[in-house]
Amino acid sequence: MGERYNLSDGTEIVHRMMGVNGDKVWIELSKNGTVQYSHILHEGEYFIYEDADI
């Protein structure tokens, strides 16, 4: 995979890989090219991004 979504001011979320059964996904959150957060989300879990500058 590797789909990228720009969020704001150099921040992006990257969809790295999906589980074989579609029940989990590996995501990374980066700022100016540096990974800030990397996690495998399982079906039913949420990821919430909050911009502290707003």
PDB file of N, CA and C in Angstrom:
ATOM      1  N   MET A   1       0.848  -1.172   0.000  1.00  0.00           N
ATOM      2  CA  MET A   1       0.000   0.000   0.000  1.00  0.00           C
ATOM      3  C   MET A   1       0.894   1.237   0.000  1.00  0.00           C
ATOM      4  N   GLY A   2       0.646   2.154   0.894  1.00  0.00           N
ATOM      5  CA  GLY A   2       1.424   3.366   0.948  1.00  0.00           C
ATOM      6  C   GLY A   2       0.634   4.598   0.532  1.00  0.00           C
ATOM      7  N   GLU A   3      -0.676   4.560   0.668  1.00  0.00           N
ATOM      8  CA  GLU A   3      -1.496   5.720   0.340  1.00  0.00           C
ATOM      9  C   GLU A   3      -1.221   6.828   1.350  1.00  0.00           C
ATOM     10  N   ARG A   4      -1.030   8.049   0.859  1.00  0.00           N
ATOM     11  CA  ARG A   4      -0.706   9.194   1.714  1.00  0.00           C
ATOM     12  C   ARG A   4      -1.829  10.225   1.664  1.00  0.00           C
ATOM     13  N   TYR A   5      -2.129  10.790   2.833  1.00  0.00           N
ATOM     14  CA  TYR A   5      -3.148  11.827   2.943  1.00  0.00           C
ATOM     15  C   TYR A   5      -2.548  13.003   3.694  1.00  0.00           C
ATOM     16  N   ASN A   6      -2.441  14.153   3.040  1.00  0.00           N
ATOM     17  CA  ASN A   6      -1.937  15.362   3.688  1.00  0.00           C
ATOM     18  C   ASN A   6      -3.023  15.958   4.567  1.00  0.00           C
ATOM     19  N   LEU A   7      -2.677  16.230   5.828  1.00  0.00           N
ATOM     20  CA  LEU A   7      -3.642  16.773   6.777  1.00  0.00           C
ATOM     21  C   LEU A   7      -3.483  18.283   6.927  1.00  0.00           C
ATOM     22  N   SER A   8      -2.295  18.761   7.257  1.00  0.00           N
ATOM     23  CA  SER A   8      -2.034  20.202   7.373  1.00  0.00           C
ATOM     24  C   SER A   8      -0.555  20.437   7.628  1.00  0.00           C
ATOM     25  N   ASP A   9      -0.087  21.583   7.329  1.00  0.00           N
ATOM     26  CA  ASP A   9       1.278  22.084   7.575  1.00  0.00           C
ATOM     27  C   ASP A   9       2.365  21.016   7.729  1.00  0.00           C
ATOM     28  N   GLY A  10       2.507  20.151   6.734  1.00  0.00           N
ATOM     29  CA  GLY A  10       3.554  19.143   6.761  1.00  0.00           C
ATOM     30  C   GLY A  10       3.185  17.852   7.457  1.00  0.00           C
ATOM     31  N   THR A  11       1.951  17.748   7.929  1.00  0.00           N
ATOM     32  CA  THR A  11       1.496  16.535   8.607  1.00  0.00           C
ATOM     33  C   THR A  11       0.779  15.647   7.603  1.00  0.00           C
ATOM     34  N   GLU A  12       1.095  14.350   7.635  1.00  0.00           N
ATOM     35  CA  GLU A  12       0.395  13.413   6.757  1.00  0.00           C
ATOM     36  C   GLU A  12       0.203  12.079   7.455  1.00  0.00           C
ATOM     37  N   ILE A  13      -0.832  11.366   7.032  1.00  0.00           N
ATOM     38  CA  ILE A  13      -1.098  10.023   7.532  1.00  0.00           C
ATOM     39  C   ILE A  13      -0.867   9.074   6.356  1.00  0.00           C
ATOM     40  N   VAL A  14      -0.170   7.972   6.631  1.00  0.00           N
ATOM     41  CA  VAL A  14       0.161   7.001   5.589  1.00  0.00           C
ATOM     42  C   VAL A  14      -0.443   5.652   5.956  1.00  0.00           C
ATOM     43  N   HIS A  15      -1.176   5.105   5.019  1.00  0.00           N
ATOM     44  CA  HIS A  15      -1.760   3.768   5.151  1.00  0.00           C
ATOM     45  C   HIS A  15      -0.723   2.804   4.594  1.00  0.00           C
ATOM     46  N   ARG A  16      -0.004   2.087   5.472  1.00  0.00           N
ATOM     47  CA  ARG A  16       1.104   1.224   5.067  1.00  0.00           C
ATOM     48  C   ARG A  16       0.664  -0.144   4.565  1.00  0.00           C
ATOM     49  N   MET A  17      -0.181  -0.820   5.310  1.00  0.00           N
ATOM     50  CA  MET A  17      -0.530  -2.196   4.960  1.00  0.00           C
ATOM     51  C   MET A  17      -1.859  -2.577   5.597  1.00  0.00           C
ATOM     52  N   MET A  18      -2.588  -3.469   4.929  1.00  0.00           N
ATOM     53  CA  MET A  18      -3.846  -3.964   5.474  1.00  0.00           C
ATOM     54  C   MET A  18      -3.702  -5.456   5.734  1.00  0.00           C
ATOM     55  N   GLY A  19      -4.335  -5.943   6.796  1.00  0.00           N
ATOM     56  CA  GLY A  19      -4.304  -7.365   7.114  1.00  0.00           C
ATOM     57  C   GLY A  19      -4.946  -8.197   6.013  1.00  0.00           C
ATOM     58  N   VAL A  20      -4.547  -9.433   5.903  1.00  0.00           N
ATOM     59  CA  VAL A  20      -5.048 -10.336   4.866  1.00  0.00           C
ATOM     60  C   VAL A  20      -6.566 -10.425   4.876  1.00  0.00           C
ATOM     61  N   ASN A  21      -7.161 -10.445   6.056  1.00  0.00           N
ATOM     62  CA  ASN A  21      -8.619 -10.547   6.177  1.00  0.00           C
ATOM     63  C   ASN A  21      -9.313  -9.190   6.205  1.00  0.00           C
ATOM     64  N   GLY A  22      -8.547  -8.110   6.064  1.00  0.00           N
ATOM     65  CA  GLY A  22      -9.130  -6.777   6.109  1.00  0.00           C
ATOM     66  C   GLY A  22      -9.533  -6.337   7.498  1.00  0.00           C
ATOM     67  N   ASP A  23      -9.030  -7.014   8.540  1.00  0.00           N
ATOM     68  CA  ASP A  23      -9.447  -6.712   9.902  1.00  0.00           C
ATOM     69  C   ASP A  23      -8.469  -5.822  10.670  1.00  0.00           C
ATOM     70  N   LYS A  24      -7.367  -5.426  10.026  1.00  0.00           N
ATOM     71  CA  LYS A  24      -6.418  -4.515  10.670  1.00  0.00           C
ATOM     72  C   LYS A  24      -5.663  -3.726   9.609  1.00  0.00           C
ATOM     73  N   VAL A  25      -5.144  -2.586  10.038  1.00  0.00           N
ATOM     74  CA  VAL A  25      -4.415  -1.713   9.123  1.00  0.00           C
ATOM     75  C   VAL A  25      -3.252  -1.064   9.880  1.00  0.00           C
ATOM     76  N   TRP A  26      -2.131  -0.912   9.201  1.00  0.00           N
ATOM     77  CA  TRP A  26      -0.950  -0.270   9.780  1.00  0.00           C
ATOM     78  C   TRP A  26      -0.922   1.165   9.275  1.00  0.00           C
ATOM     79  N   ILE A  27      -0.909   2.128  10.199  1.00  0.00           N
ATOM     80  CA  ILE A  27      -0.871   3.534   9.824  1.00  0.00           C
ATOM     81  C   ILE A  27       0.335   4.222  10.459  1.00  0.00           C
ATOM     82  N   GLU A  28       0.774   5.277   9.815  1.00  0.00           N
ATOM     83  CA  GLU A  28       1.831   6.124  10.363  1.00  0.00           C
ATOM     84  C   GLU A  28       1.402   7.579  10.228  1.00  0.00           C
ATOM     85  N   LEU A  29       1.713   8.367  11.238  1.00  0.00           N
ATOM     86  CA  LEU A  29       1.482   9.808  11.211  1.00  0.00           C
ATOM     87  C   LEU A  29       2.857  10.453  11.210  1.00  0.00           C
ATOM     88  N   SER A  30       3.108  11.324  10.241  1.00  0.00           N
ATOM     89  CA  SER A  30       4.411  11.975  10.172  1.00  0.00           C
ATOM     90  C   SER A  30       4.262  13.480  10.062  1.00  0.00           C
ATOM     91  N   LYS A  31       5.293  14.179  10.491  1.00  0.00           N
ATOM     92  CA  LYS A  31       5.333  15.641  10.435  1.00  0.00           C
ATOM     93  C   LYS A  31       6.655  16.009   9.771  1.00  0.00           C
ATOM     94  N   ASN A  32       6.573  16.699   8.638  1.00  0.00           N
ATOM     95  CA  ASN A  32       7.754  17.105   7.870  1.00  0.00           C
ATOM     96  C   ASN A  32       8.679  15.926   7.577  1.00  0.00           C
ATOM     97  N   GLY A  33       8.081  14.762   7.261  1.00  0.00           N
ATOM     98  CA  GLY A  33       8.842  13.588   6.865  1.00  0.00           C
ATOM     99  C   GLY A  33       9.348  12.717   8.003  1.00  0.00           C
ATOM    100  N   THR A  34       9.128  13.111   9.255  1.00  0.00           N
ATOM    101  CA  THR A  34       9.571  12.331  10.402  1.00  0.00           C
ATOM    102  C   THR A  34       8.374  11.639  11.041  1.00  0.00           C
ATOM    103  N   VAL A  35       8.449  10.312  11.179  1.00  0.00           N
ATOM    104  CA  VAL A  35       7.342   9.543  11.760  1.00  0.00           C
ATOM    105  C   VAL A  35       7.180   9.918  13.236  1.00  0.00           C
ATOM    106  N   GLN A  36       5.970  10.336  13.601  1.00  0.00           N
ATOM    107  CA  GLN A  36       5.632  10.722  14.966  1.00  0.00           C
ATOM    108  C   GLN A  36       4.857   9.620  15.692  1.00  0.00           C
ATOM    109  N   TYR A  37       4.147   8.786  14.911  1.00  0.00           N
ATOM    110  CA  TYR A  37       3.274   7.760  15.485  1.00  0.00           C
ATOM    111  C   TYR A  37       3.124   6.643  14.463  1.00  0.00           C
ATOM    112  N   SER A  38       3.240   5.413  14.901  1.00  0.00           N
ATOM    113  CA  SER A  38       3.050   4.253  14.043  1.00  0.00           C
ATOM    114  C   SER A  38       2.265   3.221  14.851  1.00  0.00           C
ATOM    115  N   HIS A  39       1.184   2.687  14.254  1.00  0.00           N
ATOM    116  CA  HIS A  39       0.323   1.791  15.025  1.00  0.00           C
ATOM    117  C   HIS A  39      -0.474   0.875  14.093  1.00  0.00           C
ATOM    118  N   ILE A  40      -0.759  -0.320  14.579  1.00  0.00           N
ATOM    119  CA  ILE A  40      -1.652  -1.230  13.868  1.00  0.00           C
ATOM    120  C   ILE A  40      -3.021  -1.128  14.528  1.00  0.00           C
ATOM    121  N   LEU A  41      -3.998  -0.686  13.750  1.00  0.00           N
ATOM    122  CA  LEU A  41      -5.376  -0.571  14.230  1.00  0.00           C
ATOM    123  C   LEU A  41      -6.140  -1.827  13.852  1.00  0.00           C
ATOM    124  N   HIS A  42      -6.883  -2.374  14.794  1.00  0.00           N
ATOM    125  CA  HIS A  42      -7.723  -3.538  14.541  1.00  0.00           C
ATOM    126  C   HIS A  42      -9.149  -3.078  14.255  1.00  0.00           C
ATOM    127  N   GLU A  43      -9.895  -3.907  13.588  1.00  0.00           N
ATOM    128  CA  GLU A  43     -11.273  -3.575  13.238  1.00  0.00           C
ATOM    129  C   GLU A  43     -12.025  -3.100  14.476  1.00  0.00           C
ATOM    130  N   GLY A  44     -12.701  -1.968  14.359  1.00  0.00           N
ATOM    131  CA  GLY A  44     -13.474  -1.405  15.459  1.00  0.00           C
ATOM    132  C   GLY A  44     -12.720  -0.360  16.273  1.00  0.00           C
ATOM    133  N   GLU A  45     -11.395  -0.246  16.087  1.00  0.00           N
ATOM    134  CA  GLU A  45     -10.611   0.768  16.792  1.00  0.00           C
ATOM    135  C   GLU A  45     -10.644   2.074  16.004  1.00  0.00           C
ATOM    136  N   TYR A  46     -10.370   3.181  16.696  1.00  0.00           N
ATOM    137  CA  TYR A  46     -10.380   4.503  16.083  1.00  0.00           C
ATOM    138  C   TYR A  46      -9.020   5.160  16.210  1.00  0.00           C
ATOM    139  N   PHE A  47      -8.722   6.020  15.259  1.00  0.00           N
ATOM    140  CA  PHE A  47      -7.552   6.889  15.326  1.00  0.00           C
ATOM    141  C   PHE A  47      -8.084   8.312  15.234  1.00  0.00           C
ATOM    142  N   ILE A  48      -7.763   9.147  16.218  1.00  0.00           N
ATOM    143  CA  ILE A  48      -8.230  10.534  16.224  1.00  0.00           C
ATOM    144  C   ILE A  48      -7.025  11.453  16.164  1.00  0.00           C
ATOM    145  N   TYR A  49      -6.999  12.319  15.157  1.00  0.00           N
ATOM    146  CA  TYR A  49      -5.926  13.291  15.004  1.00  0.00           C
ATOM    147  C   TYR A  49      -6.450  14.647  15.451  1.00  0.00           C
ATOM    148  N   GLU A  50      -5.744  15.267  16.393  1.00  0.00           N
ATOM    149  CA  GLU A  50      -6.114  16.599  16.857  1.00  0.00           C
ATOM    150  C   GLU A  50      -4.942  17.529  16.642  1.00  0.00           C
ATOM    151  N   ASP A  51      -5.161  18.626  15.948  1.00  0.00           N
ATOM    152  CA  ASP A  51      -4.127  19.622  15.687  1.00  0.00           C
ATOM    153  C   ASP A  51      -4.073  20.592  16.861  1.00  0.00           C
ATOM    154  N   ALA A  52      -2.993  20.580  17.602  1.00  0.00           N
ATOM    155  CA  ALA A  52      -2.866  21.418  18.792  1.00  0.00           C
ATOM    156  C   ALA A  52      -2.793  22.909  18.460  1.00  0.00           C
ATOM    157  N   ASP A  53      -2.523  23.238  17.181  1.00  0.00           N
ATOM    158  CA  ASP A  53      -2.402  24.636  16.782  1.00  0.00           C
ATOM    159  C   ASP A  53      -3.740  25.302  16.504  1.00  0.00           C
ATOM    160  N   ILE A  54      -4.816  24.542  16.510  1.00  0.00           N
ATOM    161  CA  ILE A  54      -6.143  25.125  16.203  1.00  0.00           C
ATOM    162  C   ILE A  54      -6.771  25.666  17.466  1.00  0.00           C
TER     163      ILE A  54
END
